Protein backbone atom coordinates (compact mmCIF):
# COMPACT_ATOMS: atom_id res chain seq x y z
CA UNK A 1 0.00 0.00 0.00
CA UNK A 2 1.40 3.31 -1.02
CA UNK A 3 -1.42 5.63 0.05
CA UNK A 4 -4.30 5.70 2.50
CA UNK A 5 -7.47 4.66 0.65
CA UNK A 6 -9.52 7.18 2.67
CA UNK A 7 -7.60 10.44 2.42
CA UNK A 8 -4.85 9.57 -0.09
CA UNK A 9 -2.07 10.49 2.35
CA UNK A 10 1.27 8.79 1.79
CA UNK A 11 1.42 5.53 3.75
CA UNK A 12 3.82 5.90 6.68
CA UNK A 13 4.08 2.22 7.57
CA UNK A 14 1.81 2.42 10.61
CA UNK A 15 -1.52 0.75 11.33
CA UNK A 16 -3.30 4.11 11.62
CA UNK A 17 -3.18 6.79 8.95
CA UNK A 18 -1.24 9.76 10.27
CA UNK A 19 -3.66 12.22 8.66
CA UNK A 20 -7.21 10.84 9.00
CA UNK A 21 -6.63 8.12 11.62
CA UNK A 22 -8.22 5.40 9.47
CA UNK A 23 -7.36 1.93 10.73
CA UNK A 24 -5.14 0.47 8.00
CA UNK A 25 -4.28 -2.62 10.03
CA UNK A 26 -6.72 -4.91 8.26
CA UNK A 27 -5.34 -3.92 4.84
CA UNK A 28 -1.77 -4.41 6.06
CA UNK A 29 -2.70 -7.86 7.39
CA UNK A 30 -4.28 -8.82 4.06
CA UNK A 31 -1.18 -7.75 2.14
CA UNK A 32 1.05 -9.75 4.49
CA UNK A 33 -1.15 -12.85 4.13
CA UNK A 34 -1.05 -12.51 0.34
CA UNK A 35 2.75 -12.39 0.48
CA UNK A 36 2.81 -15.47 2.71
CA UNK A 37 0.67 -17.41 0.25
CA UNK A 38 2.87 -16.25 -2.64
CA UNK A 39 5.98 -17.53 -0.87
CA UNK A 40 4.21 -20.80 -0.03
CA UNK A 41 3.31 -21.21 -3.71
CA UNK A 42 6.95 -20.71 -4.69
CA UNK A 43 8.05 -23.24 -2.07
CA UNK A 44 5.47 -25.74 -3.31
CA UNK A 45 6.77 -25.29 -6.86
CA UNK A 46 10.31 -25.95 -5.66
CA UNK A 47 9.16 -29.19 -4.01
CA UNK A 48 7.03 -30.25 -7.02
CA UNK A 49 3.78 -30.08 -5.05
CA UNK A 50 1.64 -28.71 -7.87
CA UNK A 51 -1.72 -28.90 -6.06
CA UNK A 52 -0.38 -26.87 -3.14
CA UNK A 53 1.24 -24.43 -5.54
CA UNK A 54 -2.09 -23.90 -7.27
CA UNK A 55 -3.94 -23.48 -3.97
CA UNK A 56 -1.50 -20.90 -2.60
CA UNK A 57 -1.19 -18.99 -5.89
CA UNK A 58 -4.97 -18.80 -6.17
CA UNK A 59 -5.27 -17.64 -2.55
CA UNK A 60 -2.57 -15.00 -3.01
CA UNK A 61 -4.35 -13.60 -6.06
CA UNK A 62 -7.68 -13.56 -4.25
CA UNK A 63 -6.18 -11.45 -1.48
CA UNK A 64 -4.09 -9.10 -3.61
CA UNK A 65 -3.59 -9.18 -7.37
CA UNK A 66 -0.02 -8.43 -8.28
CA UNK A 67 1.72 -9.19 -11.58
CA UNK A 68 3.93 -11.75 -9.83
CA UNK A 69 0.95 -13.51 -8.25
CA UNK A 70 -0.94 -13.51 -11.56
CA UNK A 71 2.03 -15.03 -13.42
CA UNK A 72 2.44 -17.73 -10.78
CA UNK A 73 -1.29 -18.49 -10.88
CA UNK A 74 -1.19 -18.71 -14.69
CA UNK A 75 1.70 -21.17 -14.50
CA UNK A 76 0.04 -23.23 -11.75
CA UNK A 77 -3.22 -23.27 -13.72
CA UNK A 78 -1.41 -24.71 -16.72
CA UNK A 79 0.12 -27.42 -14.57
CA UNK A 80 -3.27 -28.50 -13.20
CA UNK A 81 -4.88 -28.35 -16.65
CA UNK A 82 -7.12 -25.35 -16.00
CA UNK A 83 -6.38 -23.62 -19.27
CA UNK A 84 -9.19 -21.04 -19.12
CA UNK A 85 -7.95 -19.78 -15.76
CA UNK A 86 -4.36 -19.75 -17.07
CA UNK A 87 -5.35 -17.58 -20.03
CA UNK A 88 -7.38 -15.26 -17.81
CA UNK A 89 -4.49 -14.85 -15.34
CA UNK A 90 -2.00 -14.28 -18.11
CA UNK A 91 -4.18 -11.54 -19.61
CA UNK A 92 -4.30 -9.81 -16.20
CA UNK A 93 -0.52 -9.59 -16.10
PDB file of N, CA and C in Angstrom:
ATOM      1  N   UNK A   1       0.840  -1.158   0.000  1.00  0.00           N
ATOM      2  CA  UNK A   1       0.000   0.000   0.000  1.00  0.00           C
ATOM      3  C   UNK A   1       0.899   1.239   0.000  1.00  0.00           C
ATOM      4  N   UNK A   2       0.612   2.095  -0.910  1.00  0.00           N
ATOM      5  CA  UNK A   2       1.400   3.312  -1.019  1.00  0.00           C
ATOM      6  C   UNK A   2       0.700   4.525  -0.415  1.00  0.00           C
ATOM      7  N   UNK A   3      -0.646   4.490  -0.442  1.00  0.00           N
ATOM      8  CA  UNK A   3      -1.422   5.632   0.049  1.00  0.00           C
ATOM      9  C   UNK A   3      -2.632   5.146   0.836  1.00  0.00           C
ATOM     10  N   UNK A   4      -3.084   5.982   1.741  1.00  0.00           N
ATOM     11  CA  UNK A   4      -4.297   5.698   2.502  1.00  0.00           C
ATOM     12  C   UNK A   4      -5.480   5.713   1.542  1.00  0.00           C
ATOM     13  N   UNK A   5      -6.326   4.683   1.561  1.00  0.00           N
ATOM     14  CA  UNK A   5      -7.473   4.661   0.653  1.00  0.00           C
ATOM     15  C   UNK A   5      -8.550   5.685   1.029  1.00  0.00           C
ATOM     16  N   UNK A   6      -8.514   6.212   2.231  1.00  0.00           N
ATOM     17  CA  UNK A   6      -9.520   7.177   2.671  1.00  0.00           C
ATOM     18  C   UNK A   6      -9.171   8.606   2.284  1.00  0.00           C
ATOM     19  N   UNK A   7      -7.955   9.029   2.641  1.00  0.00           N
ATOM     20  CA  UNK A   7      -7.599  10.436   2.424  1.00  0.00           C
ATOM     21  C   UNK A   7      -6.466  10.628   1.418  1.00  0.00           C
ATOM     22  N   UNK A   8      -5.912   9.546   0.918  1.00  0.00           N
ATOM     23  CA  UNK A   8      -4.850   9.571  -0.088  1.00  0.00           C
ATOM     24  C   UNK A   8      -3.509  10.090   0.447  1.00  0.00           C
ATOM     25  N   UNK A   9      -3.349  10.088   1.765  1.00  0.00           N
ATOM     26  CA  UNK A   9      -2.071  10.489   2.353  1.00  0.00           C
ATOM     27  C   UNK A   9      -1.048   9.388   2.099  1.00  0.00           C
ATOM     28  N   UNK A  10       0.214   9.775   1.994  1.00  0.00           N
ATOM     29  CA  UNK A  10       1.271   8.792   1.792  1.00  0.00           C
ATOM     30  C   UNK A  10       1.317   7.842   2.989  1.00  0.00           C
ATOM     31  N   UNK A  11       1.403   6.542   2.698  1.00  0.00           N
ATOM     32  CA  UNK A  11       1.418   5.528   3.753  1.00  0.00           C
ATOM     33  C   UNK A  11       2.734   5.612   4.507  1.00  0.00           C
ATOM     34  N   UNK A  12       2.638   5.724   5.834  1.00  0.00           N
ATOM     35  CA  UNK A  12       3.824   5.904   6.675  1.00  0.00           C
ATOM     36  C   UNK A  12       4.280   4.609   7.335  1.00  0.00           C
ATOM     37  N   UNK A  13       3.657   3.491   7.006  1.00  0.00           N
ATOM     38  CA  UNK A  13       4.080   2.216   7.569  1.00  0.00           C
ATOM     39  C   UNK A  13       3.456   1.891   8.914  1.00  0.00           C
ATOM     40  N   UNK A  14       2.457   2.649   9.322  1.00  0.00           N
ATOM     41  CA  UNK A  14       1.805   2.417  10.607  1.00  0.00           C
ATOM     42  C   UNK A  14       0.397   1.898  10.381  1.00  0.00           C
ATOM     43  N   UNK A  15      -0.192   1.345  11.433  1.00  0.00           N
ATOM     44  CA  UNK A  15      -1.515   0.749  11.331  1.00  0.00           C
ATOM     45  C   UNK A  15      -2.633   1.785  11.308  1.00  0.00           C
ATOM     46  N   UNK A  16      -2.346   3.006  11.698  1.00  0.00           N
ATOM     47  CA  UNK A  16      -3.302   4.110  11.616  1.00  0.00           C
ATOM     48  C   UNK A  16      -2.742   5.172  10.683  1.00  0.00           C
ATOM     49  N   UNK A  17      -3.599   5.717   9.844  1.00  0.00           N
ATOM     50  CA  UNK A  17      -3.179   6.794   8.950  1.00  0.00           C
ATOM     51  C   UNK A  17      -2.811   8.012   9.793  1.00  0.00           C
ATOM     52  N   UNK A  18      -1.692   8.614   9.492  1.00  0.00           N
ATOM     53  CA  UNK A  18      -1.242   9.764  10.273  1.00  0.00           C
ATOM     54  C   UNK A  18      -2.116  10.998  10.061  1.00  0.00           C
ATOM     55  N   UNK A  19      -2.831  11.059   8.944  1.00  0.00           N
ATOM     56  CA  UNK A  19      -3.660  12.225   8.660  1.00  0.00           C
ATOM     57  C   UNK A  19      -5.101  12.054   9.150  1.00  0.00           C
ATOM     58  N   UNK A  20      -5.770  10.974   8.709  1.00  0.00           N
ATOM     59  CA  UNK A  20      -7.207  10.838   9.001  1.00  0.00           C
ATOM     60  C   UNK A  20      -7.514   9.811  10.085  1.00  0.00           C
ATOM     61  N   UNK A  21      -6.488   9.112  10.556  1.00  0.00           N
ATOM     62  CA  UNK A  21      -6.625   8.116  11.624  1.00  0.00           C
ATOM     63  C   UNK A  21      -7.447   6.887  11.230  1.00  0.00           C
ATOM     64  N   UNK A  22      -7.563   6.621   9.935  1.00  0.00           N
ATOM     65  CA  UNK A  22      -8.221   5.402   9.471  1.00  0.00           C
ATOM     66  C   UNK A  22      -7.385   4.197   9.889  1.00  0.00           C
ATOM     67  N   UNK A  23      -8.046   3.154  10.353  1.00  0.00           N
ATOM     68  CA  UNK A  23      -7.362   1.929  10.730  1.00  0.00           C
ATOM     69  C   UNK A  23      -6.954   1.182   9.464  1.00  0.00           C
ATOM     70  N   UNK A  24      -5.670   1.149   9.181  1.00  0.00           N
ATOM     71  CA  UNK A  24      -5.141   0.472   8.002  1.00  0.00           C
ATOM     72  C   UNK A  24      -4.641  -0.933   8.331  1.00  0.00           C
ATOM     73  N   UNK A  25      -4.790  -1.337   9.576  1.00  0.00           N
ATOM     74  CA  UNK A  25      -4.276  -2.617  10.034  1.00  0.00           C
ATOM     75  C   UNK A  25      -4.828  -3.808   9.273  1.00  0.00           C
ATOM     76  N   UNK A  26      -6.107  -3.787   8.976  1.00  0.00           N
ATOM     77  CA  UNK A  26      -6.721  -4.908   8.258  1.00  0.00           C
ATOM     78  C   UNK A  26      -6.116  -5.022   6.860  1.00  0.00           C
ATOM     79  N   UNK A  27      -5.938  -3.887   6.181  1.00  0.00           N
ATOM     80  CA  UNK A  27      -5.337  -3.916   4.842  1.00  0.00           C
ATOM     81  C   UNK A  27      -3.891  -4.399   4.884  1.00  0.00           C
ATOM     82  N   UNK A  28      -3.164  -3.976   5.894  1.00  0.00           N
ATOM     83  CA  UNK A  28      -1.774  -4.412   6.057  1.00  0.00           C
ATOM     84  C   UNK A  28      -1.730  -5.920   6.285  1.00  0.00           C
ATOM     85  N   UNK A  29      -2.643  -6.419   7.120  1.00  0.00           N
ATOM     86  CA  UNK A  29      -2.695  -7.859   7.388  1.00  0.00           C
ATOM     87  C   UNK A  29      -3.020  -8.657   6.125  1.00  0.00           C
ATOM     88  N   UNK A  30      -3.932  -8.144   5.316  1.00  0.00           N
ATOM     89  CA  UNK A  30      -4.285  -8.823   4.061  1.00  0.00           C
ATOM     90  C   UNK A  30      -3.090  -8.868   3.122  1.00  0.00           C
ATOM     91  N   UNK A  31      -2.370  -7.768   3.011  1.00  0.00           N
ATOM     92  CA  UNK A  31      -1.183  -7.751   2.144  1.00  0.00           C
ATOM     93  C   UNK A  31      -0.129  -8.737   2.627  1.00  0.00           C
ATOM     94  N   UNK A  32       0.070  -8.810   3.939  1.00  0.00           N
ATOM     95  CA  UNK A  32       1.048  -9.754   4.490  1.00  0.00           C
ATOM     96  C   UNK A  32       0.629 -11.201   4.224  1.00  0.00           C
ATOM     97  N   UNK A  33      -0.658 -11.488   4.383  1.00  0.00           N
ATOM     98  CA  UNK A  33      -1.147 -12.846   4.133  1.00  0.00           C
ATOM     99  C   UNK A  33      -0.985 -13.219   2.657  1.00  0.00           C
ATOM    100  N   UNK A  34      -1.239 -12.255   1.771  1.00  0.00           N
ATOM    101  CA  UNK A  34      -1.054 -12.505   0.337  1.00  0.00           C
ATOM    102  C   UNK A  34       0.402 -12.834   0.035  1.00  0.00           C
ATOM    103  N   UNK A  35       1.323 -12.115   0.676  1.00  0.00           N
ATOM    104  CA  UNK A  35       2.754 -12.395   0.476  1.00  0.00           C
ATOM    105  C   UNK A  35       3.126 -13.770   1.009  1.00  0.00           C
ATOM    106  N   UNK A  36       2.548 -14.150   2.154  1.00  0.00           N
ATOM    107  CA  UNK A  36       2.815 -15.473   2.713  1.00  0.00           C
ATOM    108  C   UNK A  36       2.354 -16.574   1.761  1.00  0.00           C
ATOM    109  N   UNK A  37       1.174 -16.402   1.189  1.00  0.00           N
ATOM    110  CA  UNK A  37       0.668 -17.408   0.247  1.00  0.00           C
ATOM    111  C   UNK A  37       1.523 -17.438  -1.029  1.00  0.00           C
ATOM    112  N   UNK A  38       2.006 -16.293  -1.464  1.00  0.00           N
ATOM    113  CA  UNK A  38       2.867 -16.253  -2.643  1.00  0.00           C
ATOM    114  C   UNK A  38       4.160 -17.019  -2.380  1.00  0.00           C
ATOM    115  N   UNK A  39       4.752 -16.801  -1.220  1.00  0.00           N
ATOM    116  CA  UNK A  39       5.982 -17.528  -0.868  1.00  0.00           C
ATOM    117  C   UNK A  39       5.714 -19.023  -0.717  1.00  0.00           C
ATOM    118  N   UNK A  40       4.561 -19.380  -0.161  1.00  0.00           N
ATOM    119  CA  UNK A  40       4.207 -20.801  -0.029  1.00  0.00           C
ATOM    120  C   UNK A  40       4.019 -21.438  -1.401  1.00  0.00           C
ATOM    121  N   UNK A  41       3.470 -20.686  -2.345  1.00  0.00           N
ATOM    122  CA  UNK A  41       3.305 -21.206  -3.707  1.00  0.00           C
ATOM    123  C   UNK A  41       4.666 -21.452  -4.357  1.00  0.00           C
ATOM    124  N   UNK A  42       5.594 -20.537  -4.148  1.00  0.00           N
ATOM    125  CA  UNK A  42       6.952 -20.713  -4.695  1.00  0.00           C
ATOM    126  C   UNK A  42       7.632 -21.923  -4.065  1.00  0.00           C
ATOM    127  N   UNK A  43       7.455 -22.095  -2.756  1.00  0.00           N
ATOM    128  CA  UNK A  43       8.050 -23.243  -2.066  1.00  0.00           C
ATOM    129  C   UNK A  43       7.435 -24.550  -2.567  1.00  0.00           C
ATOM    130  N   UNK A  44       6.132 -24.536  -2.798  1.00  0.00           N
ATOM    131  CA  UNK A  44       5.471 -25.742  -3.311  1.00  0.00           C
ATOM    132  C   UNK A  44       5.968 -26.072  -4.713  1.00  0.00           C
ATOM    133  N   UNK A  45       6.212 -25.057  -5.525  1.00  0.00           N
ATOM    134  CA  UNK A  45       6.772 -25.288  -6.862  1.00  0.00           C
ATOM    135  C   UNK A  45       8.154 -25.918  -6.755  1.00  0.00           C
ATOM    136  N   UNK A  46       8.954 -25.417  -5.843  1.00  0.00           N
ATOM    137  CA  UNK A  46      10.312 -25.951  -5.664  1.00  0.00           C
ATOM    138  C   UNK A  46      10.286 -27.409  -5.210  1.00  0.00           C
ATOM    139  N   UNK A  47       9.254 -27.804  -4.477  1.00  0.00           N
ATOM    140  CA  UNK A  47       9.165 -29.191  -4.009  1.00  0.00           C
ATOM    141  C   UNK A  47       8.247 -30.047  -4.880  1.00  0.00           C
ATOM    142  N   UNK A  48       7.865 -29.526  -6.055  1.00  0.00           N
ATOM    143  CA  UNK A  48       7.030 -30.247  -7.024  1.00  0.00           C
ATOM    144  C   UNK A  48       5.660 -30.648  -6.471  1.00  0.00           C
ATOM    145  N   UNK A  49       5.126 -29.847  -5.574  1.00  0.00           N
ATOM    146  CA  UNK A  49       3.781 -30.082  -5.054  1.00  0.00           C
ATOM    147  C   UNK A  49       2.833 -29.133  -5.787  1.00  0.00           C
ATOM    148  N   UNK A  50       2.386 -29.562  -6.955  1.00  0.00           N
ATOM    149  CA  UNK A  50       1.637 -28.708  -7.871  1.00  0.00           C
ATOM    150  C   UNK A  50       0.276 -28.309  -7.296  1.00  0.00           C
ATOM    151  N   UNK A  51      -0.410 -29.227  -6.629  1.00  0.00           N
ATOM    152  CA  UNK A  51      -1.718 -28.897  -6.064  1.00  0.00           C
ATOM    153  C   UNK A  51      -1.609 -27.810  -5.002  1.00  0.00           C
ATOM    154  N   UNK A  52      -0.586 -27.903  -4.153  1.00  0.00           N
ATOM    155  CA  UNK A  52      -0.384 -26.866  -3.137  1.00  0.00           C
ATOM    156  C   UNK A  52       0.045 -25.548  -3.775  1.00  0.00           C
ATOM    157  N   UNK A  53       0.834 -25.639  -4.822  1.00  0.00           N
ATOM    158  CA  UNK A  53       1.236 -24.427  -5.538  1.00  0.00           C
ATOM    159  C   UNK A  53       0.013 -23.713  -6.085  1.00  0.00           C
ATOM    160  N   UNK A  54      -0.874 -24.476  -6.709  1.00  0.00           N
ATOM    161  CA  UNK A  54      -2.093 -23.902  -7.273  1.00  0.00           C
ATOM    162  C   UNK A  54      -2.958 -23.285  -6.184  1.00  0.00           C
ATOM    163  N   UNK A  55      -3.137 -23.989  -5.074  1.00  0.00           N
ATOM    164  CA  UNK A  55      -3.939 -23.477  -3.970  1.00  0.00           C
ATOM    165  C   UNK A  55      -3.395 -22.149  -3.460  1.00  0.00           C
ATOM    166  N   UNK A  56      -2.095 -22.110  -3.177  1.00  0.00           N
ATOM    167  CA  UNK A  56      -1.497 -20.901  -2.600  1.00  0.00           C
ATOM    168  C   UNK A  56      -1.451 -19.753  -3.611  1.00  0.00           C
ATOM    169  N   UNK A  57      -1.197 -20.044  -4.863  1.00  0.00           N
ATOM    170  CA  UNK A  57      -1.193 -18.992  -5.886  1.00  0.00           C
ATOM    171  C   UNK A  57      -2.588 -18.404  -6.052  1.00  0.00           C
ATOM    172  N   UNK A  58      -3.583 -19.262  -6.039  1.00  0.00           N
ATOM    173  CA  UNK A  58      -4.970 -18.802  -6.166  1.00  0.00           C
ATOM    174  C   UNK A  58      -5.359 -17.948  -4.954  1.00  0.00           C
ATOM    175  N   UNK A  59      -4.950 -18.381  -3.786  1.00  0.00           N
ATOM    176  CA  UNK A  59      -5.266 -17.644  -2.552  1.00  0.00           C
ATOM    177  C   UNK A  59      -4.563 -16.289  -2.542  1.00  0.00           C
ATOM    178  N   UNK A  60      -3.307 -16.264  -2.966  1.00  0.00           N
ATOM    179  CA  UNK A  60      -2.567 -15.005  -3.011  1.00  0.00           C
ATOM    180  C   UNK A  60      -3.249 -14.008  -3.943  1.00  0.00           C
ATOM    181  N   UNK A  61      -3.671 -14.476  -5.106  1.00  0.00           N
ATOM    182  CA  UNK A  61      -4.354 -13.598  -6.065  1.00  0.00           C
ATOM    183  C   UNK A  61      -5.703 -13.134  -5.542  1.00  0.00           C
ATOM    184  N   UNK A  62      -6.370 -13.977  -4.779  1.00  0.00           N
ATOM    185  CA  UNK A  62      -7.677 -13.563  -4.254  1.00  0.00           C
ATOM    186  C   UNK A  62      -7.527 -12.478  -3.190  1.00  0.00           C
ATOM    187  N   UNK A  63      -6.399 -12.469  -2.501  1.00  0.00           N
ATOM    188  CA  UNK A  63      -6.176 -11.452  -1.482  1.00  0.00           C
ATOM    189  C   UNK A  63      -5.622 -10.158  -2.062  1.00  0.00           C
ATOM    190  N   UNK A  64      -4.679 -10.287  -2.991  1.00  0.00           N
ATOM    191  CA  UNK A  64      -4.086  -9.102  -3.608  1.00  0.00           C
ATOM    192  C   UNK A  64      -3.520  -9.481  -4.965  1.00  0.00           C
ATOM    193  N   UNK A  65      -4.051  -8.881  -6.003  1.00  0.00           N
ATOM    194  CA  UNK A  65      -3.595  -9.176  -7.367  1.00  0.00           C
ATOM    195  C   UNK A  65      -2.360  -8.349  -7.689  1.00  0.00           C
ATOM    196  N   UNK A  66      -1.258  -9.056  -7.843  1.00  0.00           N
ATOM    197  CA  UNK A  66      -0.021  -8.428  -8.280  1.00  0.00           C
ATOM    198  C   UNK A  66       0.416  -9.145  -9.552  1.00  0.00           C
ATOM    199  N   UNK A  67       1.238  -8.508 -10.370  1.00  0.00           N
ATOM    200  CA  UNK A  67       1.717  -9.194 -11.578  1.00  0.00           C
ATOM    201  C   UNK A  67       2.429 -10.513 -11.260  1.00  0.00           C
ATOM    202  N   UNK A  68       3.219 -10.525 -10.200  1.00  0.00           N
ATOM    203  CA  UNK A  68       3.935 -11.746  -9.832  1.00  0.00           C
ATOM    204  C   UNK A  68       2.959 -12.858  -9.441  1.00  0.00           C
ATOM    205  N   UNK A  69       1.938 -12.516  -8.664  1.00  0.00           N
ATOM    206  CA  UNK A  69       0.949 -13.512  -8.248  1.00  0.00           C
ATOM    207  C   UNK A  69       0.147 -14.008  -9.445  1.00  0.00           C
ATOM    208  N   UNK A  70      -0.195 -13.115 -10.355  1.00  0.00           N
ATOM    209  CA  UNK A  70      -0.939 -13.505 -11.558  1.00  0.00           C
ATOM    210  C   UNK A  70      -0.119 -14.443 -12.438  1.00  0.00           C
ATOM    211  N   UNK A  71       1.170 -14.149 -12.612  1.00  0.00           N
ATOM    212  CA  UNK A  71       2.031 -15.026 -13.417  1.00  0.00           C
ATOM    213  C   UNK A  71       2.143 -16.411 -12.791  1.00  0.00           C
ATOM    214  N   UNK A  72       2.324 -16.442 -11.472  1.00  0.00           N
ATOM    215  CA  UNK A  72       2.443 -17.726 -10.779  1.00  0.00           C
ATOM    216  C   UNK A  72       1.139 -18.514 -10.859  1.00  0.00           C
ATOM    217  N   UNK A  73       0.001 -17.817 -10.756  1.00  0.00           N
ATOM    218  CA  UNK A  73      -1.288 -18.488 -10.882  1.00  0.00           C
ATOM    219  C   UNK A  73      -1.489 -19.011 -12.306  1.00  0.00           C
ATOM    220  N   UNK A  74      -1.070 -18.255 -13.298  1.00  0.00           N
ATOM    221  CA  UNK A  74      -1.189 -18.713 -14.689  1.00  0.00           C
ATOM    222  C   UNK A  74      -0.368 -19.988 -14.885  1.00  0.00           C
ATOM    223  N   UNK A  75       0.842 -20.003 -14.367  1.00  0.00           N
ATOM    224  CA  UNK A  75       1.705 -21.171 -14.496  1.00  0.00           C
ATOM    225  C   UNK A  75       1.118 -22.372 -13.756  1.00  0.00           C
ATOM    226  N   UNK A  76       0.637 -22.142 -12.532  1.00  0.00           N
ATOM    227  CA  UNK A  76       0.043 -23.229 -11.754  1.00  0.00           C
ATOM    228  C   UNK A  76      -1.219 -23.755 -12.435  1.00  0.00           C
ATOM    229  N   UNK A  77      -1.997 -22.863 -13.021  1.00  0.00           N
ATOM    230  CA  UNK A  77      -3.216 -23.275 -13.718  1.00  0.00           C
ATOM    231  C   UNK A  77      -2.897 -24.173 -14.907  1.00  0.00           C
ATOM    232  N   UNK A  78      -1.831 -23.844 -15.615  1.00  0.00           N
ATOM    233  CA  UNK A  78      -1.406 -24.707 -16.721  1.00  0.00           C
ATOM    234  C   UNK A  78      -1.040 -26.105 -16.218  1.00  0.00           C
ATOM    235  N   UNK A  79      -0.340 -26.142 -15.095  1.00  0.00           N
ATOM    236  CA  UNK A  79       0.121 -27.422 -14.569  1.00  0.00           C
ATOM    237  C   UNK A  79      -1.008 -28.308 -14.063  1.00  0.00           C
ATOM    238  N   UNK A  80      -2.129 -27.695 -13.655  1.00  0.00           N
ATOM    239  CA  UNK A  80      -3.273 -28.497 -13.198  1.00  0.00           C
ATOM    240  C   UNK A  80      -4.365 -28.570 -14.264  1.00  0.00           C
ATOM    241  N   UNK A  81      -3.999 -28.232 -15.489  1.00  0.00           N
ATOM    242  CA  UNK A  81      -4.881 -28.352 -16.652  1.00  0.00           C
ATOM    243  C   UNK A  81      -6.129 -27.474 -16.589  1.00  0.00           C
ATOM    244  N   UNK A  82      -6.016 -26.315 -15.997  1.00  0.00           N
ATOM    245  CA  UNK A  82      -7.115 -25.348 -16.000  1.00  0.00           C
ATOM    246  C   UNK A  82      -6.733 -24.219 -16.958  1.00  0.00           C
ATOM    247  N   UNK A  83      -6.893 -24.504 -18.223  1.00  0.00           N
ATOM    248  CA  UNK A  83      -6.384 -23.618 -19.270  1.00  0.00           C
ATOM    249  C   UNK A  83      -7.126 -22.282 -19.340  1.00  0.00           C
ATOM    250  N   UNK A  84      -8.433 -22.293 -19.097  1.00  0.00           N
ATOM    251  CA  UNK A  84      -9.187 -21.037 -19.121  1.00  0.00           C
ATOM    252  C   UNK A  84      -8.688 -20.073 -18.039  1.00  0.00           C
ATOM    253  N   UNK A  85      -8.451 -20.610 -16.852  1.00  0.00           N
ATOM    254  CA  UNK A  85      -7.948 -19.781 -15.762  1.00  0.00           C
ATOM    255  C   UNK A  85      -6.536 -19.295 -16.082  1.00  0.00           C
ATOM    256  N   UNK A  86      -5.732 -20.144 -16.704  1.00  0.00           N
ATOM    257  CA  UNK A  86      -4.360 -19.750 -17.070  1.00  0.00           C
ATOM    258  C   UNK A  86      -4.394 -18.581 -18.042  1.00  0.00           C
ATOM    259  N   UNK A  87      -5.251 -18.659 -19.034  1.00  0.00           N
ATOM    260  CA  UNK A  87      -5.353 -17.579 -20.029  1.00  0.00           C
ATOM    261  C   UNK A  87      -5.846 -16.306 -19.353  1.00  0.00           C
ATOM    262  N   UNK A  88      -6.833 -16.433 -18.506  1.00  0.00           N
ATOM    263  CA  UNK A  88      -7.381 -15.264 -17.805  1.00  0.00           C
ATOM    264  C   UNK A  88      -6.315 -14.610 -16.936  1.00  0.00           C
ATOM    265  N   UNK A  89      -5.560 -15.402 -16.200  1.00  0.00           N
ATOM    266  CA  UNK A  89      -4.495 -14.847 -15.336  1.00  0.00           C
ATOM    267  C   UNK A  89      -3.413 -14.209 -16.161  1.00  0.00           C
ATOM    268  N   UNK A  90      -3.056 -14.836 -17.272  1.00  0.00           N
ATOM    269  CA  UNK A  90      -2.003 -14.279 -18.114  1.00  0.00           C
ATOM    270  C   UNK A  90      -2.419 -12.936 -18.698  1.00  0.00           C
ATOM    271  N   UNK A  91      -3.683 -12.813 -19.064  1.00  0.00           N
ATOM    272  CA  UNK A  91      -4.182 -11.538 -19.607  1.00  0.00           C
ATOM    273  C   UNK A  91      -4.160 -10.442 -18.549  1.00  0.00           C
ATOM    274  N   UNK A  92      -4.315 -10.802 -17.289  1.00  0.00           N
ATOM    275  CA  UNK A  92      -4.296  -9.815 -16.203  1.00  0.00           C
ATOM    276  C   UNK A  92      -2.903  -9.307 -15.882  1.00  0.00           C
ATOM    277  N   UNK A  93      -1.888 -10.019 -16.358  1.00  0.00           N
ATOM    278  CA  UNK A  93      -0.515  -9.592 -16.099  1.00  0.00           C
ATOM    279  C   UNK A  93      -0.266  -8.348 -16.932  1.00  0.00           C
TER     280      UNK A  93
END
